[in-house]
């Protein structure tokens, strides 16, 4: 039996974030933890570790690794709290965010602000004392760029907000590289660039799902301003850029680059498949949802491959593979 609800009606209905990420239904966080946005922190820490793995100094001593990740987590929590503080009026007007800790009154503005400042000071102290000043400075730059550049300035003003505001989410690889080597280096800048071009495709897939919610409060996300067809084309461009840039990791990795490239093939194939499916039918919310979910796993996967490629057993396998390819090539000469 065909439902009486038309396809256009289904498309126009706002989709709650809980429907996209089912774990949000099952886990109810305490108010003080909710404002820290802890679900965003693991991916930021993963790209931090990815930046470390691109350094000649990998692996790091355990104390420095712990201080880097601890400081990064505290700074990310502070950024999330300040974001919630700035957007509390906006959150109150949006269906999917109206029950957050600040709009619902479960936390006061002063307590959130004090908590954010405390986390920022703790992160700075941990990074300066346990890592280095460059890592601490870059971490604070990431915090400020997320709160001031993206949240305050870009998000309410331009549909390209995530393109330029994505710099905040791309800074952790620089922090990881500087924590490992004391400077950023080519590998850190490569992973920074990869996260920058990955971010629009990742975020716009989510924005397609939530476009009605954004439209209701006047936030000019690309799907709200230009529609899903234009957005899907833009996602396709950034998706192909992501794939191209991801393979450059074969060059910038100090060791294990060939193995990394081989293991990356299925990740990129799946990403391009989902990008292509969405471009063929941008109004299919299931396709947008599938791309959004895979994009998260994709970036975790890239960082995991970077770490795996630096293992001693992987380096030996990589060297044997290169020798085998050379021998095979010589047979045709």
Protein backbone atom coordinates (compact mmCIF):
# COMPACT_ATOMS: atom_id res chain seq x y z
CA UNK A 1 0.00 0.00 0.00
CA UNK A 2 1.29 3.48 -0.91
CA UNK A 3 1.35 5.95 1.94
CA UNK A 4 -0.86 9.02 1.61
CA UNK A 5 2.07 11.22 2.68
CA UNK A 6 3.80 12.63 -0.38
CA UNK A 7 7.54 12.54 -0.90
CA UNK A 8 7.74 16.31 -0.75
CA UNK A 9 5.99 16.30 2.62
CA UNK A 10 8.53 13.84 3.97
CA UNK A 11 11.40 15.93 2.67
CA UNK A 12 10.09 19.10 4.27
CA UNK A 13 9.75 17.56 7.71
CA UNK A 14 12.65 18.49 9.99
CA UNK A 15 14.82 15.60 11.09
CA UNK A 16 16.00 15.53 14.69
CA UNK A 17 19.67 14.88 15.36
CA UNK A 18 18.59 11.96 17.54
CA UNK A 19 17.21 10.25 14.43
CA UNK A 20 20.58 10.58 12.69
CA UNK A 21 22.78 9.43 15.57
CA UNK A 22 20.75 6.77 17.41
CA UNK A 23 23.13 6.66 20.39
CA UNK A 24 21.79 10.04 21.40
CA UNK A 25 18.46 8.37 22.19
CA UNK A 26 20.03 5.82 24.50
CA UNK A 27 22.48 7.99 26.44
CA UNK A 28 21.29 10.97 28.46
CA UNK A 29 24.25 13.00 29.62
CA UNK A 30 24.40 15.05 32.83
CA UNK A 31 23.83 18.74 32.18
CA UNK A 32 27.41 19.78 33.03
CA UNK A 33 28.78 17.20 30.61
CA UNK A 34 26.23 17.93 27.90
CA UNK A 35 27.45 21.53 27.40
CA UNK A 36 30.99 20.25 26.84
CA UNK A 37 29.75 18.39 23.72
CA UNK A 38 31.78 15.26 24.51
CA UNK A 39 30.61 13.42 21.39
CA UNK A 40 32.70 15.78 19.26
CA UNK A 41 35.89 15.32 21.28
CA UNK A 42 36.97 11.76 20.22
CA UNK A 43 37.33 12.73 16.55
CA UNK A 44 39.32 15.85 17.49
CA UNK A 45 41.64 13.69 19.58
CA UNK A 46 41.91 11.13 16.77
CA UNK A 47 43.15 13.79 14.34
CA UNK A 48 45.56 14.98 17.04
CA UNK A 49 47.04 11.48 17.22
CA UNK A 50 47.09 11.38 13.42
CA UNK A 51 49.21 14.53 13.43
CA UNK A 52 51.59 12.88 15.90
CA UNK A 53 51.90 9.75 13.76
CA UNK A 54 53.10 11.87 10.83
CA UNK A 55 56.16 12.98 12.79
CA UNK A 56 59.56 11.31 12.80
CA UNK A 57 59.40 11.42 16.61
CA UNK A 58 56.44 9.00 16.79
CA UNK A 59 55.67 7.30 19.14
CA UNK A 60 55.58 9.94 21.87
CA UNK A 61 56.50 9.31 25.50
CA UNK A 62 53.38 8.38 27.45
CA UNK A 63 53.36 11.47 29.72
CA UNK A 64 53.55 13.87 26.76
CA UNK A 65 50.87 11.92 24.89
CA UNK A 66 48.58 12.03 27.93
CA UNK A 67 49.13 15.77 28.47
CA UNK A 68 48.45 16.53 24.79
CA UNK A 69 45.21 14.57 24.67
CA UNK A 70 44.11 15.75 28.11
CA UNK A 71 44.75 19.39 27.24
CA UNK A 72 43.01 18.98 23.89
CA UNK A 73 39.96 17.41 25.51
CA UNK A 74 39.72 20.20 28.11
CA UNK A 75 40.05 22.91 25.45
CA UNK A 76 37.40 21.22 23.28
CA UNK A 77 35.08 21.03 26.30
CA UNK A 78 35.61 24.76 26.94
CA UNK A 79 34.86 25.56 23.29
CA UNK A 80 31.67 23.49 23.40
CA UNK A 81 30.51 25.23 26.59
CA UNK A 82 31.19 28.70 25.18
CA UNK A 83 29.35 27.73 21.98
CA UNK A 84 26.32 26.64 24.04
CA UNK A 85 26.50 29.86 26.04
CA UNK A 86 26.56 32.07 22.94
CA UNK A 87 23.80 30.15 21.14
CA UNK A 88 21.43 29.54 24.05
CA UNK A 89 18.73 31.86 22.65
CA UNK A 90 19.04 30.22 19.25
CA UNK A 91 18.92 26.77 20.83
CA UNK A 92 15.74 27.71 22.68
CA UNK A 93 13.99 28.41 19.36
CA UNK A 94 15.11 25.22 17.59
CA UNK A 95 13.16 22.04 18.17
CA UNK A 96 16.16 19.70 18.34
CA UNK A 97 18.10 21.89 20.81
CA UNK A 98 15.38 23.39 23.02
CA UNK A 99 15.96 20.80 25.74
CA UNK A 100 19.68 21.48 26.09
CA UNK A 101 21.02 22.34 29.52
CA UNK A 102 21.05 26.13 29.13
CA UNK A 103 17.74 26.71 27.26
CA UNK A 104 15.92 24.33 29.61
CA UNK A 105 17.34 26.03 32.70
CA UNK A 106 19.18 22.98 34.03
CA UNK A 107 22.39 25.01 34.16
CA UNK A 108 22.97 28.70 34.78
CA UNK A 109 24.95 30.96 32.45
CA UNK A 110 27.44 31.82 35.17
CA UNK A 111 28.20 28.19 36.00
CA UNK A 112 28.79 27.35 32.32
CA UNK A 113 31.05 30.38 31.86
CA UNK A 114 33.07 29.59 34.97
CA UNK A 115 33.39 25.97 33.88
CA UNK A 116 34.60 27.03 30.41
CA UNK A 117 37.22 29.36 31.85
CA UNK A 118 38.38 26.68 34.29
CA UNK A 119 38.75 24.14 31.48
CA UNK A 120 40.67 26.65 29.35
CA UNK A 121 43.10 27.47 32.17
CA UNK A 122 43.57 23.78 33.00
CA UNK A 123 44.21 22.94 29.34
CA UNK A 124 46.76 25.74 29.02
CA UNK A 125 48.59 24.70 32.20
CA UNK A 126 48.67 21.05 31.16
CA UNK A 127 49.96 21.77 27.66
CA UNK A 128 52.56 24.35 28.66
CA UNK A 129 53.96 22.22 31.48
CA UNK A 130 53.66 18.79 29.88
CA UNK A 131 54.06 19.46 26.14
CA UNK A 132 55.28 22.82 24.77
CA UNK A 133 54.14 26.39 24.24
CA UNK A 134 53.48 25.89 20.52
CA UNK A 135 51.00 23.09 21.19
CA UNK A 136 49.34 25.21 23.89
CA UNK A 137 49.10 28.24 21.60
CA UNK A 138 47.64 26.23 18.72
CA UNK A 139 45.08 24.65 21.04
CA UNK A 140 43.93 28.08 22.23
CA UNK A 141 43.83 29.23 18.60
CA UNK A 142 41.51 26.33 17.81
CA UNK A 143 39.26 27.24 20.71
CA UNK A 144 39.07 30.91 19.70
CA UNK A 145 38.51 30.13 16.01
CA UNK A 146 35.58 27.84 16.85
CA UNK A 147 33.92 30.26 19.25
CA UNK A 148 34.73 33.63 17.62
CA UNK A 149 35.38 32.91 13.94
CA UNK A 150 32.77 30.21 13.35
CA UNK A 151 30.07 30.55 16.04
CA UNK A 152 29.96 34.32 16.46
CA UNK A 153 31.00 35.67 13.07
CA UNK A 154 30.58 33.17 10.20
CA UNK A 155 27.69 30.88 11.15
CA UNK A 156 24.92 33.52 11.19
CA UNK A 157 26.27 35.45 8.18
CA UNK A 158 27.24 33.19 5.26
CA UNK A 159 26.30 29.87 3.72
CA UNK A 160 30.03 29.17 3.36
CA UNK A 161 30.44 29.32 7.14
CA UNK A 162 31.76 25.79 7.51
CA UNK A 163 34.26 26.19 4.65
CA UNK A 164 36.18 28.91 6.48
CA UNK A 165 35.05 28.02 9.99
CA UNK A 166 36.29 24.48 9.47
CA UNK A 167 39.76 25.72 10.38
CA UNK A 168 38.82 25.20 14.05
CA UNK A 169 38.30 21.48 13.56
CA UNK A 170 41.46 21.22 11.45
CA UNK A 171 43.85 22.60 14.08
CA UNK A 172 44.19 19.40 16.22
CA UNK A 173 46.56 17.77 13.67
CA UNK A 174 48.80 20.82 14.01
CA UNK A 175 48.68 20.41 17.78
CA UNK A 176 49.64 16.74 17.46
CA UNK A 177 52.53 17.48 15.10
CA UNK A 178 53.87 20.26 17.32
CA UNK A 179 53.54 18.08 20.42
CA UNK A 180 55.60 15.36 18.75
CA UNK A 181 58.33 17.41 17.10
CA UNK A 182 58.16 20.93 18.51
CA UNK A 183 57.20 22.24 15.06
CA UNK A 184 54.38 21.50 12.62
CA UNK A 185 56.10 20.06 9.56
CA UNK A 186 54.74 18.95 6.20
CA UNK A 187 52.73 16.05 7.62
CA UNK A 188 50.87 18.26 10.06
CA UNK A 189 49.96 20.74 7.34
CA UNK A 190 48.80 17.91 5.07
CA UNK A 191 46.41 16.49 7.68
CA UNK A 192 45.23 20.03 8.47
CA UNK A 193 44.39 20.49 4.76
CA UNK A 194 42.68 17.10 4.58
CA UNK A 195 40.41 17.88 7.53
CA UNK A 196 39.64 21.30 6.02
CA UNK A 197 38.36 19.83 2.72
CA UNK A 198 36.64 16.89 4.44
CA UNK A 199 34.63 19.15 6.77
CA UNK A 200 32.21 20.77 4.26
CA UNK A 201 31.10 17.45 2.76
CA UNK A 202 30.69 15.97 6.24
CA UNK A 203 28.78 18.93 7.66
CA UNK A 204 26.60 19.70 4.63
CA UNK A 205 25.33 16.11 4.60
CA UNK A 206 24.08 16.76 8.14
CA UNK A 207 22.77 20.21 7.16
CA UNK A 208 20.62 18.65 4.40
CA UNK A 209 18.92 16.58 7.08
CA UNK A 210 18.43 19.56 9.39
CA UNK A 211 17.76 22.28 6.81
CA UNK A 212 14.22 23.00 8.01
CA UNK A 213 15.42 23.46 11.57
CA UNK A 214 18.11 25.88 10.40
CA UNK A 215 15.62 27.69 8.18
CA UNK A 216 13.23 28.19 11.09
CA UNK A 217 15.77 30.33 12.93
CA UNK A 218 17.37 32.03 9.93
CA UNK A 219 20.77 30.31 9.96
CA UNK A 220 22.07 30.45 6.35
CA UNK A 221 23.39 26.93 5.94
CA UNK A 222 24.03 26.03 2.30
CA UNK A 223 21.07 23.58 1.96
CA UNK A 224 18.76 26.26 3.42
CA UNK A 225 20.01 29.03 1.13
CA UNK A 226 20.72 27.13 -2.10
CA UNK A 227 18.78 23.88 -1.72
CA UNK A 228 19.85 20.23 -1.70
CA UNK A 229 20.81 20.03 -5.40
CA UNK A 230 23.43 22.78 -5.18
CA UNK A 231 24.59 21.38 -1.86
CA UNK A 232 25.01 17.88 -3.28
CA UNK A 233 27.15 19.25 -6.10
CA UNK A 234 29.29 21.12 -3.60
CA UNK A 235 29.59 17.97 -1.49
CA UNK A 236 30.73 16.09 -4.58
CA UNK A 237 33.50 18.63 -5.24
CA UNK A 238 34.76 18.46 -1.68
CA UNK A 239 34.39 14.69 -1.62
CA UNK A 240 36.70 14.28 -4.62
CA UNK A 241 39.14 16.79 -3.13
CA UNK A 242 39.15 14.76 0.07
CA UNK A 243 39.99 11.57 -1.80
CA UNK A 244 42.77 13.27 -3.78
CA UNK A 245 44.34 14.82 -0.70
CA UNK A 246 44.03 11.65 1.35
CA UNK A 247 46.35 9.78 -1.04
CA UNK A 248 49.06 12.40 -0.55
CA UNK A 249 49.53 10.82 2.85
CA UNK A 250 51.50 8.12 1.03
CA UNK A 251 54.17 10.77 0.41
CA UNK A 252 54.18 12.66 3.69
CA UNK A 253 54.24 9.61 5.97
CA UNK A 254 57.81 9.05 7.18
CA UNK A 255 57.35 5.28 6.80
CA UNK A 256 54.66 2.88 5.64
CA UNK A 257 53.20 5.13 2.94
CA UNK A 258 52.50 2.38 0.42
CA UNK A 259 50.66 0.26 2.96
CA UNK A 260 48.63 3.30 4.04
CA UNK A 261 47.62 3.96 0.43
CA UNK A 262 46.52 0.37 -0.14
CA UNK A 263 44.47 0.23 3.05
CA UNK A 264 42.90 3.59 2.19
CA UNK A 265 41.38 2.35 -1.08
CA UNK A 266 38.16 0.85 0.38
CA UNK A 267 37.60 3.94 2.55
CA UNK A 268 37.80 6.24 -0.46
CA UNK A 269 35.74 3.93 -2.65
CA UNK A 270 32.91 3.94 -0.14
CA UNK A 271 33.11 7.70 0.30
CA UNK A 272 32.86 8.32 -3.45
CA UNK A 273 30.02 5.82 -3.74
CA UNK A 274 27.96 7.65 -1.11
CA UNK A 275 28.82 11.07 -2.57
CA UNK A 276 27.70 9.87 -6.01
CA UNK A 277 24.46 8.40 -4.64
CA UNK A 278 23.59 11.68 -2.95
CA UNK A 279 24.40 13.69 -6.09
CA UNK A 280 22.03 11.45 -8.09
CA UNK A 281 19.18 12.09 -5.63
CA UNK A 282 19.92 15.00 -3.25
CA UNK A 283 16.44 14.93 -1.74
CA UNK A 284 16.83 11.39 -0.41
CA UNK A 285 17.41 11.89 3.31
CA UNK A 286 18.60 8.32 3.79
CA UNK A 287 21.45 8.96 1.36
CA UNK A 288 22.43 12.14 3.18
CA UNK A 289 22.28 10.28 6.49
CA UNK A 290 24.48 7.46 5.15
CA UNK A 291 27.09 9.93 3.90
CA UNK A 292 27.11 11.83 7.18
CA UNK A 293 27.65 8.66 9.20
CA UNK A 294 30.34 7.30 6.90
CA UNK A 295 32.21 10.60 6.84
CA UNK A 296 32.74 10.31 10.60
CA UNK A 297 34.03 6.75 10.28
CA UNK A 298 36.15 7.84 7.32
CA UNK A 299 38.17 10.39 9.30
CA UNK A 300 38.58 8.00 12.21
CA UNK A 301 39.75 5.42 9.67
CA UNK A 302 42.33 7.71 8.08
CA UNK A 303 43.86 8.51 11.47
CA UNK A 304 43.82 4.83 12.41
CA UNK A 305 45.65 3.94 9.19
CA UNK A 306 48.27 6.60 9.87
CA UNK A 307 48.99 5.02 13.25
CA UNK A 308 48.91 1.44 11.89
CA UNK A 309 51.34 2.38 9.12
CA UNK A 310 53.93 3.48 11.71
CA UNK A 311 53.96 0.11 13.51
CA UNK A 312 57.21 -1.82 13.08
CA UNK A 313 55.48 -4.83 11.57
CA UNK A 314 53.70 -2.55 9.08
CA UNK A 315 56.97 -0.86 8.13
CA UNK A 316 58.62 -4.24 7.47
CA UNK A 317 55.64 -5.34 5.37
CA UNK A 318 55.71 -2.02 3.50
CA UNK A 319 59.43 -2.38 2.70
CA UNK A 320 58.95 -5.96 1.50
CA UNK A 321 56.06 -4.84 -0.68
CA UNK A 322 58.19 -2.10 -2.26
CA UNK A 323 61.00 -4.60 -2.89
CA UNK A 324 58.51 -7.02 -4.49
CA UNK A 325 57.17 -4.28 -6.78
CA UNK A 326 60.72 -3.31 -7.80
CA UNK A 327 61.61 -6.93 -8.58
CA UNK A 328 58.40 -7.35 -10.57
CA UNK A 329 59.11 -4.15 -12.51
CA UNK A 330 62.67 -5.21 -13.28
CA UNK A 331 61.32 -8.39 -14.84
CA UNK A 332 59.73 -6.33 -17.62
CA UNK A 333 62.84 -4.25 -18.34
